[in-house]
Structure formats: C-alpha cells, structure tokens
Protein backbone atom coordinates (compact mmCIF):
# COMPACT_ATOMS: atom_id res chain seq x y z
CA UNK A 1 -100.58 -70.31 -84.32
CA UNK A 2 -104.21 -70.94 -83.41
CA UNK A 3 -105.66 -71.59 -79.96
CA UNK A 4 -109.23 -72.61 -79.12
CA UNK A 5 -110.75 -71.68 -75.80
CA UNK A 6 -114.29 -72.90 -75.05
CA UNK A 7 -116.33 -72.93 -71.87
CA UNK A 8 -119.11 -75.38 -71.09
CA UNK A 9 -122.59 -74.14 -71.93
CA UNK A 10 -125.59 -75.25 -69.89
CA UNK A 11 -128.06 -73.13 -71.82
CA UNK A 12 -130.14 -74.72 -74.56
CA UNK A 13 -129.42 -71.65 -76.72
CA UNK A 14 -126.54 -72.16 -79.09
CA UNK A 15 -123.68 -69.88 -77.92
CA UNK A 16 -122.16 -67.37 -80.31
CA UNK A 17 -118.71 -68.14 -81.71
CA UNK A 18 -116.27 -65.23 -81.60
CA UNK A 19 -112.94 -65.23 -83.44
CA UNK A 20 -110.40 -62.83 -81.94
CA UNK A 21 -107.62 -61.75 -84.32
CA UNK A 22 -104.86 -60.13 -82.26
CA UNK A 23 -101.08 -60.38 -82.59
CA UNK A 24 -100.52 -59.64 -78.89
CA UNK A 25 -101.12 -63.08 -77.36
CA UNK A 26 -101.72 -61.84 -73.81
CA UNK A 27 -104.32 -59.32 -75.01
CA UNK A 28 -106.01 -62.02 -77.12
CA UNK A 29 -106.20 -64.41 -74.16
CA UNK A 30 -107.63 -61.68 -71.90
CA UNK A 31 -110.32 -60.85 -74.46
CA UNK A 32 -111.20 -64.54 -74.84
CA UNK A 33 -111.43 -64.99 -71.07
CA UNK A 34 -113.76 -62.00 -70.79
CA UNK A 35 -115.99 -63.32 -73.56
CA UNK A 36 -116.13 -66.81 -72.09
CA UNK A 37 -117.37 -65.43 -68.78
CA UNK A 38 -120.47 -64.05 -70.49
CA UNK A 39 -121.18 -67.23 -72.46
CA UNK A 40 -119.39 -66.95 -75.80
CA UNK A 41 -117.26 -69.60 -77.47
CA UNK A 42 -113.90 -68.16 -78.47
CA UNK A 43 -110.89 -68.86 -80.59
CA UNK A 44 -108.01 -66.58 -81.49
CA UNK A 45 -105.46 -66.11 -84.24
CA UNK A 46 -102.32 -63.96 -84.17
CA UNK A 47 -101.98 -63.28 -87.92
CA UNK A 48 -104.14 -62.51 -90.93
CA UNK A 49 -103.21 -65.73 -92.68
CA UNK A 50 -104.07 -67.83 -89.64
CA UNK A 51 -107.33 -65.89 -89.17
CA UNK A 52 -108.46 -66.78 -92.71
CA UNK A 53 -107.68 -70.46 -92.13
CA UNK A 54 -109.44 -70.45 -88.75
CA UNK A 55 -112.46 -68.68 -90.19
CA UNK A 56 -112.80 -71.31 -92.93
CA UNK A 57 -112.60 -74.25 -90.52
CA UNK A 58 -114.48 -72.84 -87.53
CA UNK A 59 -117.12 -70.56 -89.15
CA UNK A 60 -117.50 -67.97 -86.36
CA UNK A 61 -120.56 -65.75 -85.91
CA UNK A 62 -118.48 -62.58 -85.50
CA UNK A 63 -114.83 -61.49 -85.72
CA UNK A 64 -112.95 -59.05 -83.49
CA UNK A 65 -110.12 -57.85 -85.72
CA UNK A 66 -107.07 -55.87 -84.63
CA UNK A 67 -106.21 -53.47 -87.45
CA UNK A 68 -102.43 -53.62 -86.86
CA UNK A 69 -101.23 -57.23 -86.96
CA UNK A 70 -97.48 -56.84 -87.23
CA UNK A 71 -95.88 -58.70 -90.14
CA UNK A 72 -97.91 -60.07 -93.06
CA UNK A 73 -101.48 -58.99 -93.78
CA UNK A 74 -102.99 -56.36 -91.55
CA UNK A 75 -106.56 -56.44 -90.23
CA UNK A 76 -108.08 -54.46 -93.10
CA UNK A 77 -106.59 -56.71 -95.78
CA UNK A 78 -107.64 -59.80 -93.82
CA UNK A 79 -111.20 -58.48 -93.53
CA UNK A 80 -111.31 -57.80 -97.27
CA UNK A 81 -110.35 -61.39 -98.07
CA UNK A 82 -112.87 -62.84 -95.61
CA UNK A 83 -115.68 -60.66 -96.96
CA UNK A 84 -115.12 -62.03 -100.45
CA UNK A 85 -116.75 -65.28 -99.30
CA UNK A 86 -118.82 -64.30 -96.25
CA UNK A 87 -120.98 -61.56 -94.74
CA UNK A 88 -119.73 -62.28 -91.23
CA UNK A 89 -119.77 -59.09 -89.10
CA UNK A 90 -116.36 -57.68 -88.17
CA UNK A 91 -115.55 -55.27 -85.34
CA UNK A 92 -112.15 -53.57 -85.48
CA UNK A 93 -109.93 -53.30 -82.44
CA UNK A 94 -107.37 -50.52 -82.64
CA UNK A 95 -105.13 -48.37 -80.51
CA UNK A 96 -105.18 -45.76 -83.27
CA UNK A 97 -108.12 -43.45 -83.86
CA UNK A 98 -106.58 -41.23 -86.54
CA UNK A 99 -108.66 -40.35 -89.61
CA UNK A 100 -106.37 -42.12 -92.07
CA UNK A 101 -106.75 -45.46 -90.27
CA UNK A 102 -110.53 -45.10 -89.97
CA UNK A 103 -110.92 -44.11 -93.64
CA UNK A 104 -108.96 -47.15 -94.76
CA UNK A 105 -110.98 -49.47 -92.53
CA UNK A 106 -114.32 -48.08 -93.75
CA UNK A 107 -113.98 -49.75 -97.15
CA UNK A 108 -114.57 -53.16 -95.53
CA UNK A 109 -117.96 -52.13 -94.06
CA UNK A 110 -117.14 -52.94 -90.43
CA UNK A 111 -119.86 -53.26 -87.79
CA UNK A 112 -118.01 -51.11 -85.28
CA UNK A 113 -114.73 -49.96 -83.75
CA UNK A 114 -113.37 -50.41 -80.26
CA UNK A 115 -110.49 -48.21 -79.16
CA UNK A 116 -107.99 -49.96 -76.89
CA UNK A 117 -108.11 -50.23 -73.97
CA UNK A 118 -111.77 -51.13 -73.53
CA UNK A 119 -113.89 -52.73 -70.81
CA UNK A 120 -115.74 -56.04 -70.95
CA UNK A 121 -119.12 -54.29 -70.90
CA UNK A 122 -118.18 -52.23 -73.96
CA UNK A 123 -117.09 -55.39 -75.75
CA UNK A 124 -120.35 -57.19 -74.92
CA UNK A 125 -122.50 -54.28 -76.16
CA UNK A 126 -120.49 -53.95 -79.38
CA UNK A 127 -120.81 -57.67 -80.15
CA UNK A 128 -124.55 -57.86 -79.41
CA UNK A 129 -125.29 -54.73 -81.46
CA UNK A 130 -123.22 -56.05 -84.38
CA UNK A 131 -125.04 -59.39 -84.34
CA UNK A 132 -128.43 -57.64 -84.16
CA UNK A 133 -127.50 -55.25 -86.98
CA UNK A 134 -126.24 -58.10 -89.14
CA UNK A 135 -129.47 -60.08 -88.66
CA UNK A 136 -131.50 -56.99 -89.60
CA UNK A 137 -129.43 -56.42 -92.74
CA UNK A 138 -129.67 -60.06 -93.80
CA UNK A 139 -133.42 -60.02 -93.13
CA UNK A 140 -133.81 -56.92 -95.28
CA UNK A 141 -131.77 -58.52 -98.07
CA UNK A 142 -133.97 -61.62 -97.82
CA UNK A 143 -137.09 -59.48 -98.22
CA UNK A 144 -135.52 -57.77 -101.24
CA UNK A 145 -134.69 -61.15 -102.75
CA UNK A 146 -138.22 -62.45 -102.19
CA UNK A 147 -139.64 -59.33 -103.83
CA UNK A 148 -137.28 -59.85 -106.75
CA UNK A 149 -138.39 -63.49 -107.02
CA UNK A 150 -142.04 -62.44 -106.97
CA UNK A 151 -141.45 -59.89 -109.73
CA UNK A 152 -139.72 -62.49 -111.87
CA UNK A 153 -142.55 -64.95 -111.35
CA UNK A 154 -144.99 -62.24 -112.42
CA UNK A 155 -142.87 -61.49 -115.50
CA UNK A 156 -142.79 -65.16 -116.47
CA UNK A 157 -146.56 -65.36 -115.99
CA UNK A 158 -147.11 -62.40 -118.31
CA UNK A 159 -144.63 -63.82 -120.82
CA UNK A 160 -146.35 -67.21 -120.71
CA UNK A 161 -149.74 -65.62 -121.29
CA UNK A 162 -148.46 -63.68 -124.31
CA UNK A 163 -146.80 -66.73 -125.83
CA UNK A 164 -149.93 -68.82 -125.25
CA UNK A 165 -152.12 -66.30 -127.08
CA UNK A 166 -149.66 -66.10 -129.98
CA UNK A 167 -149.64 -69.90 -130.33
CA UNK A 168 -153.39 -70.33 -129.88
CA UNK A 169 -154.50 -68.32 -132.92
CA UNK A 170 -152.57 -70.21 -135.66
CA UNK A 171 -153.20 -73.47 -133.80
CA UNK A 172 -156.96 -73.09 -134.21
CA UNK A 173 -156.44 -72.67 -137.96
CA UNK A 174 -154.37 -75.87 -138.08
CA UNK A 175 -157.08 -77.81 -136.21
CA UNK A 176 -159.86 -76.47 -138.43
CA UNK A 177 -157.98 -77.22 -141.65
CA UNK A 178 -157.08 -80.72 -140.42
CA UNK A 179 -160.80 -81.38 -139.81
CA UNK A 180 -161.57 -80.18 -143.34
CA UNK A 181 -158.76 -82.39 -144.61
CA UNK A 182 -160.23 -85.43 -142.85
CA UNK A 183 -163.65 -84.74 -144.35
CA UNK A 184 -162.17 -84.30 -147.82
CA UNK A 185 -160.17 -87.54 -147.48
CA UNK A 186 -163.38 -89.39 -146.58
CA UNK A 187 -165.09 -87.96 -149.68
CA UNK A 188 -162.33 -89.13 -152.01
CA UNK A 189 -162.01 -92.43 -150.09
CA UNK A 190 -158.36 -92.00 -149.20
CA UNK A 191 -157.90 -93.62 -145.75
CA UNK A 192 -154.15 -92.97 -145.68
CA UNK A 193 -154.63 -89.22 -146.15
CA UNK A 194 -157.43 -89.26 -143.57
CA UNK A 195 -155.04 -90.85 -141.07
CA UNK A 196 -152.45 -88.13 -141.69
CA UNK A 197 -154.97 -85.36 -141.08
CA UNK A 198 -156.30 -87.18 -138.02
CA UNK A 199 -152.81 -87.31 -136.48
CA UNK A 200 -152.35 -83.59 -137.20
CA UNK A 201 -155.68 -82.82 -135.52
CA UNK A 202 -155.03 -84.99 -132.44
CA UNK A 203 -151.54 -83.60 -131.85
CA UNK A 204 -152.75 -80.03 -132.43
CA UNK A 205 -155.56 -80.55 -129.92
CA UNK A 206 -153.00 -81.84 -127.44
CA UNK A 207 -150.94 -78.68 -127.95
CA UNK A 208 -154.12 -76.63 -127.55
CA UNK A 209 -154.75 -78.27 -124.17
CA UNK A 210 -151.23 -77.44 -123.02
CA UNK A 211 -151.68 -73.84 -124.22
CA UNK A 212 -154.93 -73.56 -122.28
CA UNK A 213 -153.17 -74.84 -119.17
CA UNK A 214 -150.46 -72.23 -119.69
CA UNK A 215 -153.06 -69.48 -120.06
CA UNK A 216 -154.88 -70.69 -116.96
CA UNK A 217 -151.65 -70.68 -114.99
CA UNK A 218 -150.77 -67.12 -115.98
CA UNK A 219 -154.28 -65.85 -115.18
CA UNK A 220 -155.03 -65.02 -111.55
CA UNK A 221 -158.46 -66.52 -110.94
CA UNK A 222 -159.74 -67.05 -107.39
CA UNK A 223 -162.44 -69.44 -108.59
CA UNK A 224 -159.78 -72.03 -109.47
CA UNK A 225 -159.24 -73.00 -105.81
CA UNK A 226 -161.26 -76.09 -104.96
CA UNK A 227 -161.17 -79.52 -103.32
CA UNK A 228 -159.63 -82.13 -105.61
CA UNK A 229 -158.09 -85.60 -105.59
CA UNK A 230 -154.42 -85.25 -106.42
CA UNK A 231 -154.40 -88.58 -108.24
CA UNK A 232 -156.94 -87.23 -110.73
CA UNK A 233 -154.60 -84.38 -111.65
CA UNK A 234 -151.73 -86.82 -112.12
CA UNK A 235 -153.82 -89.11 -114.32
CA UNK A 236 -155.07 -86.20 -116.45
CA UNK A 237 -151.52 -84.93 -116.88
CA UNK A 238 -150.15 -88.34 -117.83
CA UNK A 239 -152.92 -88.69 -120.42
CA UNK A 240 -151.59 -85.61 -122.21
CA UNK A 241 -148.16 -87.19 -122.52
CA UNK A 242 -149.27 -90.76 -123.19
CA UNK A 243 -148.51 -90.89 -126.91
CA UNK A 244 -145.23 -89.05 -126.57
CA UNK A 245 -144.00 -91.37 -123.82
CA UNK A 246 -145.02 -94.46 -125.79
CA UNK A 247 -143.22 -93.15 -128.86
CA UNK A 248 -140.08 -92.48 -126.79
CA UNK A 249 -140.20 -95.97 -125.19
CA UNK A 250 -140.50 -94.46 -121.71
CA UNK A 251 -142.38 -96.68 -119.29
CA UNK A 252 -144.77 -95.02 -116.83
CA UNK A 253 -145.81 -96.35 -113.45
CA UNK A 254 -148.30 -94.43 -111.29
CA UNK A 255 -149.04 -95.76 -107.83
CA UNK A 256 -151.24 -94.49 -105.00
CA UNK A 257 -150.01 -96.00 -101.74
CA UNK A 258 -153.39 -95.60 -100.04
CA UNK A 259 -156.78 -97.05 -100.91
CA UNK A 260 -158.17 -93.51 -101.13
CA UNK A 261 -156.22 -90.32 -100.58
CA UNK A 262 -158.17 -87.41 -99.08
CA UNK A 263 -158.88 -84.35 -101.18
CA UNK A 264 -156.68 -81.28 -100.95
CA UNK A 265 -157.80 -77.67 -101.25
CA UNK A 266 -155.73 -76.00 -103.95
CA UNK A 267 -155.67 -74.13 -107.21
CA UNK A 268 -156.11 -77.24 -109.34
CA UNK A 269 -154.95 -75.57 -112.56
CA UNK A 270 -151.70 -74.46 -110.99
CA UNK A 271 -150.98 -77.80 -109.32
CA UNK A 272 -151.73 -79.52 -112.61
CA UNK A 273 -149.25 -77.17 -114.27
CA UNK A 274 -146.61 -78.30 -111.77
CA UNK A 275 -147.28 -81.94 -112.62
CA UNK A 276 -147.16 -81.18 -116.35
CA UNK A 277 -143.87 -79.31 -115.87
CA UNK A 278 -142.29 -82.21 -114.01
CA UNK A 279 -143.47 -84.86 -116.47
CA UNK A 280 -142.28 -82.78 -119.43
CA UNK A 281 -138.90 -82.04 -117.85
CA UNK A 282 -138.51 -85.68 -116.79
CA UNK A 283 -139.11 -86.79 -120.38
CA UNK A 284 -136.55 -84.29 -121.70
CA UNK A 285 -133.97 -85.37 -119.12
CA UNK A 286 -134.47 -89.05 -119.93
CA UNK A 287 -133.98 -88.45 -123.65
CA UNK A 288 -130.81 -86.45 -122.94
CA UNK A 289 -129.37 -89.13 -120.65
CA UNK A 290 -127.52 -91.33 -123.12
CA UNK A 291 -126.15 -93.49 -120.29
CA UNK A 292 -129.55 -94.92 -119.38
CA UNK A 293 -131.06 -97.81 -121.33
CA UNK A 294 -133.91 -98.24 -118.83
CA UNK A 295 -136.23 -95.30 -119.53
CA UNK A 296 -138.87 -94.78 -116.86
CA UNK A 297 -141.03 -92.29 -115.01
CA UNK A 298 -142.48 -93.43 -111.68
CA UNK A 299 -144.99 -91.35 -109.73
CA UNK A 300 -146.09 -92.25 -106.21
CA UNK A 301 -148.71 -90.54 -104.04
CA UNK A 302 -149.22 -91.13 -100.35
CA UNK A 303 -150.36 -89.45 -97.15
CA UNK A 304 -147.70 -88.54 -94.57
CA UNK A 305 -147.64 -86.80 -91.20
CA UNK A 306 -145.04 -84.25 -90.11
CA UNK A 307 -145.16 -82.39 -86.81
CA UNK A 308 -148.81 -83.41 -86.33
CA UNK A 309 -149.78 -82.02 -89.75
CA UNK A 310 -151.00 -84.21 -92.62
CA UNK A 311 -149.60 -83.84 -96.13
CA UNK A 312 -150.00 -85.48 -99.51
CA UNK A 313 -146.59 -86.48 -100.80
CA UNK A 314 -145.97 -86.86 -104.54
CA UNK A 315 -142.70 -88.49 -105.57
CA UNK A 316 -141.48 -88.24 -109.17
CA UNK A 317 -138.69 -90.63 -110.12
CA UNK A 318 -137.10 -90.73 -113.56
CA UNK A 319 -134.05 -92.23 -115.20
CA UNK A 320 -132.66 -88.90 -116.38
CA UNK A 321 -130.56 -86.17 -114.84
CA UNK A 322 -133.34 -83.67 -114.25
CA UNK A 323 -131.31 -80.77 -112.88
CA UNK A 324 -128.09 -79.21 -114.20
CA UNK A 325 -125.91 -80.31 -111.27
CA UNK A 326 -125.79 -83.29 -108.94
CA UNK A 327 -126.63 -81.21 -105.89
CA UNK A 328 -130.01 -80.17 -107.26
CA UNK A 329 -131.13 -76.75 -108.40
CA UNK A 330 -131.29 -74.05 -105.75
CA UNK A 331 -133.88 -71.52 -106.84
CA UNK A 332 -131.79 -68.65 -105.48
CA UNK A 333 -129.10 -69.42 -108.07
CA UNK A 334 -131.58 -68.77 -110.86
CA UNK A 335 -131.87 -65.10 -109.99
CA UNK A 336 -128.24 -64.47 -110.81
CA UNK A 337 -128.98 -65.00 -114.50
CA UNK A 338 -131.13 -63.44 -117.19
CA UNK A 339 -134.40 -65.19 -118.05
CA UNK A 340 -133.17 -65.95 -121.57
CA UNK A 341 -130.33 -67.99 -120.06
CA UNK A 342 -132.73 -70.40 -118.34
CA UNK A 343 -133.18 -73.81 -119.92
CA UNK A 344 -136.68 -75.23 -120.34
CA UNK A 345 -135.98 -77.55 -117.42
CA UNK A 346 -134.92 -74.68 -115.15
CA UNK A 347 -137.94 -72.57 -116.07
CA UNK A 348 -140.34 -75.46 -115.46
CA UNK A 349 -138.80 -76.19 -112.09
CA UNK A 350 -138.68 -72.49 -111.23
CA UNK A 351 -142.39 -72.04 -111.97
CA UNK A 352 -143.21 -75.18 -110.01
CA UNK A 353 -141.34 -73.96 -106.93
CA UNK A 354 -143.32 -70.72 -106.97
CA UNK A 355 -146.66 -72.53 -107.24
CA UNK A 356 -145.86 -75.03 -104.48
CA UNK A 357 -144.68 -72.20 -102.21
CA UNK A 358 -148.02 -70.44 -102.75
CA UNK A 359 -149.76 -73.55 -101.40
CA UNK A 360 -147.53 -73.66 -98.28
CA UNK A 361 -145.95 -76.84 -99.61
CA UNK A 362 -142.37 -77.89 -100.30
CA UNK A 363 -140.52 -79.24 -103.32
CA UNK A 364 -137.03 -80.69 -103.30
CA UNK A 365 -134.87 -82.65 -105.70
CA UNK A 366 -132.07 -85.18 -105.55
CA UNK A 367 -129.88 -86.60 -108.29
CA UNK A 368 -128.05 -89.84 -107.57
CA UNK A 369 -127.02 -92.95 -109.49
CA UNK A 370 -128.25 -91.56 -112.82
CA UNK A 371 -131.73 -91.08 -111.38
CA UNK A 372 -133.67 -88.01 -110.28
CA UNK A 373 -136.16 -87.87 -107.42
CA UNK A 374 -138.48 -84.87 -107.09
CA UNK A 375 -140.53 -84.81 -103.87
CA UNK A 376 -143.56 -82.54 -103.43
CA UNK A 377 -145.48 -82.22 -100.17
CA UNK A 378 -148.82 -80.36 -100.03
CA UNK A 379 -150.74 -79.72 -96.78
CA UNK A 380 -154.02 -81.54 -96.17
CA UNK A 381 -154.99 -79.20 -93.34
CA UNK A 382 -157.84 -77.17 -94.80
CA UNK A 383 -157.01 -74.02 -92.81
CA UNK A 384 -153.42 -74.07 -94.06
CA UNK A 385 -154.44 -74.78 -97.64
CA UNK A 386 -157.24 -72.21 -97.80
CA UNK A 387 -155.12 -69.57 -96.10
CA UNK A 388 -152.31 -70.10 -98.60
CA UNK A 389 -154.64 -69.82 -101.55
CA UNK A 390 -156.26 -66.67 -100.18
CA UNK A 391 -152.93 -64.93 -99.67
CA UNK A 392 -151.30 -66.12 -102.85
CA UNK A 393 -153.90 -64.76 -105.25
C-alpha cells in the first residue's frame, strides 16, 4: 500500500521528492515526518513491488531503501530493477552492517548507507550529499558525451573531406570531356549530341559545387565568418536544387516575412551547408512519402525576439516524413550507433545540429500530419554571434 505525505512549500525552489521504502509502517511515517520538517516532499512504500510502481508514477529525486523488506523482493533486488531504467540515487537503510549484506548491496552502486537507528541530521546530510554526488556524476557524464559528440563531428568532417577529394578528381575529367564533346558536336553539326553533353556538363558542375561546399565545411577556416543576409544563402542553395526539384514535381515557396532582414554574423559556408542538408533531406523524404500527392518545400525567414535577444528564424516545411520517428530525432540517440548505420537523412541532420550549436543557435523538428517542420533560430546579437564563431573554430 502506498501513502503520500506532502507539506506546503513557501519557497520558490522546487522541493526534493524522497521515496521511502520501508516495510515497518511506523518507521516509514517517522522518517517521512522528519523529512517534511526540513522541506522535502515524501511518499513511502512498504514493498519492493509497490516501490517500483510508485517510482514510475511519482518520479522521486532520491530513494531511501530498506534492504530487508520482508516478503517479496528485498531492497537490493528492487534497486536493481529501478536502476535498469533510471540513475536515481539510492541510499540503503539497514539494521545489519555485516560484510555479506554490504557486499551484496554494493552491486547496485548505492549512494550511501545509514545504519538504524539514525538521527534526522544524519539523514539530511546523507540525502544532500547523495544529491550533490549524483549531480556531479551526471555532469561528468554529460561532459564525456559532449566530448564524444565533438570527436564524432570531427571524424565526419575528415571523412567528408576525403570523400570530396576522391569525387572531385574524376569529376573534373567528366566536365572537361563533356566540354570537348560539346565542341565536337558543334563541329559535326549534331545539336542532339551537343544537348546530351551540355546536360552532362551542367549536372557535373552542380555536383562540383556541392563537393566544394562539402570541402569548405570540413575545412576549419576563420576567414569564413562574415556578415551575410540569410535569404541570400537560402536562394543560392535553392538554385543548386532547382532542376532536381522541377524534375521531381516538388513545388518550392520561399518567403521572407520582413521587408529586409538584418545581416547575421556567421560562418556562411557552414550555414549554407545546413540549408543544403535540409533541402536535400526534405527532397528525399518527400520522394519516400508515398502517401503524399502534394509535394512541397516551404521556407520562411523572419526576425523574432526571445528574452530580449533578437534572432533570425528559418522554418523549413515539407510534405515528407523527414525524421525516422514521429517524435523527431534526438541527437543523443545517434551516438548509440556506428556511423555506417546512419542514414543520409540522419547524417545531414546530425551535421546541421553541430553547426547550429557552434553559432549559439537552436534547431528542432516536428513531424505531424504527414508533414515535417524544421525550425532554426540564429542569434542576431553581434557579440553572441562573434563569440560563438571565435570559440567554435
């Protein structure tokens, strides 16, 4: 059976939630009363099974777990099951201090032990130290994860540069031979052949431009940071895809919801790469979405203000399912897989998130009603923008 005991909090600080797991009801109530007096919210369970159910519904910040819980699961087994889904700190309460009990409890990585009977002051110190230790551990893990993300971004940059160089060499040969083919077709007065070679040249030059963008992205160059109009980058990027989108019957609508947007200070090559990534991935998603007969890409740019800071907001809408699940793609999920398992869409979005983060901006995605919305916000504040570019490179 589960009982909730809460006291009113006048402080603006959110009180900590403590779950007490104790089969002796009187002891559990006494512990809860002591904790409430010093400002905690409390709830208690008298069995392992009930503790798991309470944990799932209440989501406490810390658990005080009696090791011996009578019938059913004991405290150690209960802690093991909870830790399969959560890193919540657990402090064991026990009347036994023998080595066998402690050794068995160690496998669940507890944040401390309290030997019964204990005083309220001891309980308070144990809880506060466990919360502090848990925050430190999670902060360290976050730093490790960010380092891992940075290393993967660097690896993708190096991989992109290598691929770009490998493509560029044979591509130049194709362009040169297509030019020779055009000239030869003119000499023999064969307009049909000339048209074929012209198409080969134009498409190869388009690929060459994309390759150059890829090489520019992978190269760290401080001189690339400058003041630009975001709409110019969008227009240049759309121009690269114009023929492809026409061929695929995908309509394009680009709208600037201001007469003139201010310039932003950014690495223009990298921001352009983001736009290219999103247009390319949008096109792929639209072609894969067999349920949509209305094929479109809509891009809107406008100035917004958040917390007294100005931003340029770029909204990409398309009639495809851009991300692999309806809840959007969380970048942290990508790091649980090998690079070769990423789809082109995931890689493009992954690279884009890294670039936008460098510029102190945000990118988020939503999938609803067979339509994807990607929203990018970049700061207009010059000190924010320039600082981000200086630290990112």
